[in-house]
């Protein structure tokens, strides 16, 4: 059940600018052992996103919603903060009050072999537009990702990779990208488009403990094909090793598995069921 400004079962009004224009931001937070995992990073990104859009984040209300929903146990919290209500036209109202929508759901069921053996990934035709004003934040306009996700309906394909209009690989439809070249772990910049993922941030910080040197570098499709490992990450799945992208296959993913174990030990992810089973 959704909560709107703390009211269970309520619905946002039709003049909400998040509904009309995508004028807002969102966060998807994993609850692990009753705690909202990586919450300081989620909270900071939400605040940055609101500031970028030109309104103050209602952080006290957001904190209260997260605390109340986290007490219900492990699962997934979806937070949406919009600018609030406004009249017709793009001009933001000066007196709009931000609106907070919150929902707690269960952990999505996915095959454990996607973590153990890796996933198959689709190369998307839909490109990400270059727009530095919106890059990095989780704004509500996800139409590029919607169009990209429509490109396949094979349940054996877990995710799709997207490049920008210049041909640089940026991200998955719902994930960040990491490519390992020997002991160098590269992830694309998100200054022009894409999302600065909280799990991406955690992996960059964790990499030296895994014997890897993190680098933010532009990646091409040809560059990905030369990688020793390819990973995708987000705050719910943690890390998925990629087993296949088009004709390129990666039979081994020791680095990705070590990263998953480290994230699980730190309580940063919901450990996949059966992850340590023989």
Protein backbone atom coordinates (compact mmCIF):
# COMPACT_ATOMS: atom_id res chain seq x y z
CA UNK A 1 0.00 0.00 0.00
CA UNK A 2 1.29 3.42 -0.95
CA UNK A 3 1.53 6.20 1.59
CA UNK A 4 1.17 9.81 0.41
CA UNK A 5 2.51 12.38 2.86
CA UNK A 6 2.12 9.78 5.60
CA UNK A 7 -1.48 8.83 4.73
CA UNK A 8 -1.86 5.10 3.95
CA UNK A 9 -3.95 4.34 0.90
CA UNK A 10 -4.02 7.93 -0.32
CA UNK A 11 -3.34 8.94 -3.92
CA UNK A 12 -1.57 12.02 -5.27
CA UNK A 13 -3.89 14.59 -6.84
CA UNK A 14 -4.12 14.85 -10.61
CA UNK A 15 -2.28 18.19 -10.59
CA UNK A 16 0.84 16.73 -9.01
CA UNK A 17 3.82 17.83 -11.08
CA UNK A 18 5.53 14.49 -10.71
CA UNK A 19 2.58 12.89 -12.49
CA UNK A 20 2.24 15.65 -15.09
CA UNK A 21 5.90 16.36 -15.90
CA UNK A 22 8.12 13.87 -14.10
CA UNK A 23 9.06 16.79 -11.85
CA UNK A 24 10.63 14.91 -8.97
CA UNK A 25 13.07 12.22 -7.89
CA UNK A 26 12.93 8.69 -6.50
CA UNK A 27 14.98 6.16 -4.57
CA UNK A 28 14.71 2.37 -4.27
CA UNK A 29 16.10 1.14 -0.95
CA UNK A 30 16.80 -2.42 0.17
CA UNK A 31 15.92 -3.20 3.80
CA UNK A 32 18.47 -5.69 5.19
CA UNK A 33 18.05 -7.05 8.74
CA UNK A 34 15.58 -4.26 9.49
CA UNK A 35 17.92 -1.51 8.29
CA UNK A 36 17.64 0.58 5.13
CA UNK A 37 20.88 -0.41 3.41
CA UNK A 38 23.11 2.41 2.18
CA UNK A 39 20.53 4.90 3.43
CA UNK A 40 22.96 7.83 3.92
CA UNK A 41 23.94 7.56 0.25
CA UNK A 42 20.34 7.27 -0.91
CA UNK A 43 19.33 10.23 1.26
CA UNK A 44 22.20 12.40 0.00
CA UNK A 45 21.40 11.62 -3.65
CA UNK A 46 17.72 12.37 -3.11
CA UNK A 47 18.65 15.74 -1.60
CA UNK A 48 21.01 16.49 -4.50
CA UNK A 49 18.31 15.63 -6.97
CA UNK A 50 15.78 17.95 -5.39
CA UNK A 51 18.35 20.73 -5.26
CA UNK A 52 19.17 20.19 -8.93
CA UNK A 53 15.47 20.50 -9.78
CA UNK A 54 15.18 23.66 -7.69
CA UNK A 55 13.24 22.72 -4.57
CA UNK A 56 14.17 21.69 -1.05
CA UNK A 57 14.00 18.01 -0.15
CA UNK A 58 11.57 17.32 2.73
CA UNK A 59 14.16 15.18 4.48
CA UNK A 60 12.45 14.98 7.87
CA UNK A 61 9.34 13.50 6.29
CA UNK A 62 11.44 11.19 4.13
CA UNK A 63 13.37 9.96 7.17
CA UNK A 64 10.13 9.28 9.04
CA UNK A 65 8.69 7.26 6.15
CA UNK A 66 11.84 5.17 5.75
CA UNK A 67 12.04 4.45 9.47
CA UNK A 68 8.39 3.40 9.64
CA UNK A 69 8.58 1.12 6.62
CA UNK A 70 11.94 -0.42 7.59
CA UNK A 71 10.42 -1.59 10.87
CA UNK A 72 8.15 -3.90 8.85
CA UNK A 73 11.12 -6.13 8.00
CA UNK A 74 13.29 -6.96 5.01
CA UNK A 75 12.02 -5.86 1.65
CA UNK A 76 12.19 -2.92 -0.73
CA UNK A 77 11.18 0.68 -0.04
CA UNK A 78 10.26 2.88 -3.00
CA UNK A 79 10.38 6.62 -2.30
CA UNK A 80 9.11 9.31 -4.63
CA UNK A 81 9.45 13.02 -3.91
CA UNK A 82 7.68 15.41 -6.28
CA UNK A 83 7.66 19.18 -6.39
CA UNK A 84 3.99 18.97 -5.39
CA UNK A 85 0.88 20.36 -6.99
CA UNK A 86 0.82 23.07 -9.62
CA UNK A 87 -1.29 24.52 -12.37
CA UNK A 88 -0.96 24.08 -16.11
CA UNK A 89 2.30 24.96 -17.82
CA UNK A 90 5.94 24.15 -17.22
CA UNK A 91 6.69 27.13 -15.00
CA UNK A 92 7.23 25.74 -11.48
CA UNK A 93 4.89 27.30 -8.89
CA UNK A 94 6.69 29.32 -6.24
CA UNK A 95 4.41 28.07 -3.47
CA UNK A 96 4.39 24.34 -4.28
CA UNK A 97 4.94 22.01 -1.35
CA UNK A 98 6.97 18.86 -2.01
CA UNK A 99 5.01 15.62 -1.79
CA UNK A 100 6.39 12.32 -0.43
CA UNK A 101 5.11 8.97 -1.68
CA UNK A 102 6.38 5.79 -0.07
CA UNK A 103 5.77 2.07 -0.51
CA UNK A 104 7.23 -1.11 0.93
CA UNK A 105 7.23 -4.30 -1.11
CA UNK A 106 8.82 -7.72 -1.03
CA UNK A 107 12.19 -8.71 -2.39
CA UNK A 108 11.93 -9.55 -6.12
CA UNK A 109 12.41 -13.26 -6.80
CA UNK A 110 15.22 -13.90 -9.27
CA UNK A 111 17.16 -17.09 -10.13
CA UNK A 112 20.17 -17.56 -7.88
CA UNK A 113 22.21 -18.69 -10.89
CA UNK A 114 22.12 -15.09 -12.13
CA UNK A 115 24.53 -14.33 -9.27
CA UNK A 116 26.44 -17.60 -9.36
CA UNK A 117 26.88 -18.11 -13.10
CA UNK A 118 26.12 -14.69 -14.52
CA UNK A 119 23.39 -13.16 -16.63
CA UNK A 120 22.68 -12.75 -20.31
CA UNK A 121 22.50 -9.11 -21.36
CA UNK A 122 20.84 -7.44 -24.36
CA UNK A 123 22.55 -4.66 -26.32
CA UNK A 124 19.93 -1.92 -26.51
CA UNK A 125 19.23 0.14 -29.61
CA UNK A 126 17.62 2.93 -27.58
CA UNK A 127 20.26 5.52 -26.68
CA UNK A 128 20.57 7.80 -23.67
CA UNK A 129 20.38 11.50 -24.49
CA UNK A 130 23.28 13.66 -23.35
CA UNK A 131 21.89 16.08 -20.75
CA UNK A 132 24.33 17.16 -18.02
CA UNK A 133 21.61 19.11 -16.16
CA UNK A 134 19.88 15.82 -15.28
CA UNK A 135 22.86 13.46 -15.24
CA UNK A 136 23.56 11.51 -12.09
CA UNK A 137 20.22 12.05 -10.31
CA UNK A 138 17.25 9.70 -10.20
CA UNK A 139 14.64 12.00 -11.72
CA UNK A 140 11.20 10.64 -12.51
CA UNK A 141 11.46 10.69 -16.30
CA UNK A 142 12.51 7.13 -17.17
CA UNK A 143 11.08 6.98 -20.71
CA UNK A 144 14.44 6.10 -22.29
CA UNK A 145 14.67 3.10 -19.98
CA UNK A 146 11.04 2.16 -20.69
CA UNK A 147 11.71 2.14 -24.43
CA UNK A 148 14.94 0.17 -23.97
CA UNK A 149 13.20 -2.43 -21.77
CA UNK A 150 10.59 -2.99 -24.51
CA UNK A 151 13.32 -4.26 -26.81
CA UNK A 152 13.26 -7.81 -25.42
CA UNK A 153 10.76 -10.17 -23.83
CA UNK A 154 13.03 -13.20 -23.32
CA UNK A 155 12.87 -14.14 -19.60
CA UNK A 156 16.40 -15.49 -19.91
CA UNK A 157 17.73 -11.99 -20.50
CA UNK A 158 18.13 -10.18 -17.19
CA UNK A 159 19.13 -6.70 -18.30
CA UNK A 160 19.93 -4.45 -21.24
CA UNK A 161 22.99 -2.24 -21.75
CA UNK A 162 22.58 1.30 -23.09
CA UNK A 163 25.01 3.67 -24.79
CA UNK A 164 24.62 7.41 -25.15
CA UNK A 165 24.02 9.14 -28.48
CA UNK A 166 27.80 9.43 -28.93
CA UNK A 167 28.27 5.65 -28.71
CA UNK A 168 29.76 5.48 -25.21
CA UNK A 169 28.42 2.65 -23.05
CA UNK A 170 26.86 4.25 -19.97
CA UNK A 171 24.60 1.91 -18.01
CA UNK A 172 22.02 -0.81 -17.94
CA UNK A 173 18.34 0.03 -17.98
CA UNK A 174 18.38 -0.34 -14.18
CA UNK A 175 22.04 -0.75 -13.34
CA UNK A 176 25.56 0.64 -13.48
CA UNK A 177 28.37 -1.01 -15.42
CA UNK A 178 31.80 -2.24 -14.32
CA UNK A 179 34.43 -3.78 -16.57
CA UNK A 180 37.54 -5.45 -15.12
CA UNK A 181 40.77 -5.37 -17.11
CA UNK A 182 43.32 -7.38 -15.11
CA UNK A 183 43.43 -5.47 -11.77
CA UNK A 184 41.77 -2.29 -13.11
CA UNK A 185 38.04 -1.94 -12.48
CA UNK A 186 36.46 0.61 -14.81
CA UNK A 187 33.03 2.22 -14.64
CA UNK A 188 31.72 4.84 -17.09
CA UNK A 189 31.34 8.49 -16.04
CA UNK A 190 27.83 9.76 -15.42
CA UNK A 191 28.47 13.46 -15.93
CA UNK A 192 26.53 13.65 -19.21
CA UNK A 193 23.80 11.06 -18.61
CA UNK A 194 23.07 8.01 -16.49
CA UNK A 195 22.63 7.62 -12.74
CA UNK A 196 25.29 7.89 -10.05
CA UNK A 197 24.30 4.66 -8.33
CA UNK A 198 24.73 4.23 -4.59
CA UNK A 199 25.93 0.66 -5.16
CA UNK A 200 28.34 1.95 -7.80
CA UNK A 201 29.72 4.33 -5.19
CA UNK A 202 30.09 1.51 -2.65
CA UNK A 203 31.86 -0.78 -5.14
CA UNK A 204 34.32 1.96 -6.10
CA UNK A 205 35.17 2.37 -2.40
CA UNK A 206 35.35 -1.40 -1.86
CA UNK A 207 37.50 -2.23 -4.91
CA UNK A 208 40.96 -1.70 -3.27
CA UNK A 209 40.08 -4.29 -0.59
CA UNK A 210 39.49 -6.75 -3.44
CA UNK A 211 42.87 -6.01 -4.98
CA UNK A 212 41.35 -3.85 -7.71
CA UNK A 213 42.10 -0.29 -8.77
CA UNK A 214 38.89 1.62 -9.57
CA UNK A 215 38.84 4.02 -12.50
CA UNK A 216 36.08 6.17 -13.99
CA UNK A 217 36.63 5.87 -17.74
CA UNK A 218 34.61 5.96 -20.92
CA UNK A 219 33.82 2.52 -22.31
CA UNK A 220 32.89 1.42 -25.83
CA UNK A 221 31.24 -1.76 -27.04
CA UNK A 222 34.58 -2.96 -28.39
CA UNK A 223 36.20 -2.13 -25.07
CA UNK A 224 33.64 -4.21 -23.16
CA UNK A 225 34.37 -7.19 -25.40
CA UNK A 226 38.03 -7.06 -24.30
CA UNK A 227 37.23 -7.01 -20.57
CA UNK A 228 38.20 -9.91 -18.32
CA UNK A 229 34.91 -9.54 -16.42
CA UNK A 230 31.77 -7.50 -16.84
CA UNK A 231 29.52 -6.65 -13.87
CA UNK A 232 26.23 -4.83 -13.44
CA UNK A 233 25.18 -3.32 -10.13
CA UNK A 234 22.29 -1.67 -8.36
CA UNK A 235 21.07 -1.27 -4.80
CA UNK A 236 18.74 -4.28 -4.93
CA UNK A 237 20.74 -6.95 -6.78
CA UNK A 238 24.14 -5.84 -5.53
CA UNK A 239 26.32 -7.26 -8.31
CA UNK A 240 25.41 -9.44 -11.26
CA UNK A 241 28.31 -10.90 -13.23
CA UNK A 242 27.61 -10.87 -16.97
CA UNK A 243 27.98 -14.28 -18.62
CA UNK A 244 27.03 -13.25 -22.17
CA UNK A 245 26.63 -10.09 -24.23
CA UNK A 246 25.91 -10.81 -27.89
CA UNK A 247 28.67 -13.22 -29.01
CA UNK A 248 31.01 -12.48 -26.11
CA UNK A 249 30.94 -14.92 -23.20
CA UNK A 250 32.61 -14.64 -19.79
CA UNK A 251 32.87 -18.11 -18.20
CA UNK A 252 34.54 -16.91 -14.99
CA UNK A 253 33.52 -14.19 -12.54
CA UNK A 254 35.74 -14.60 -9.48
CA UNK A 255 36.01 -10.85 -8.94
CA UNK A 256 32.26 -10.35 -9.03
CA UNK A 257 31.67 -13.19 -6.58
CA UNK A 258 34.27 -11.76 -4.19
CA UNK A 259 32.50 -8.40 -4.41
CA UNK A 260 29.11 -9.98 -3.67
CA UNK A 261 30.54 -11.71 -0.58
CA UNK A 262 32.08 -8.46 0.66
CA UNK A 263 28.83 -6.53 0.15
CA UNK A 264 26.84 -9.24 1.94
CA UNK A 265 29.28 -9.26 4.88
CA UNK A 266 28.84 -5.49 5.20
CA UNK A 267 25.04 -5.78 5.23
CA UNK A 268 24.83 -3.71 2.04
CA UNK A 269 22.72 -6.19 0.05
CA UNK A 270 20.01 -8.77 0.51
CA UNK A 271 21.97 -11.99 0.01
CA UNK A 272 20.45 -14.12 -2.77
CA UNK A 273 18.74 -17.24 -1.41
CA UNK A 274 20.99 -20.25 -1.90
CA UNK A 275 24.06 -18.12 -2.64
CA UNK A 276 26.31 -20.24 -0.44
CA UNK A 277 24.57 -23.58 -1.07
CA UNK A 278 26.62 -26.33 -2.78
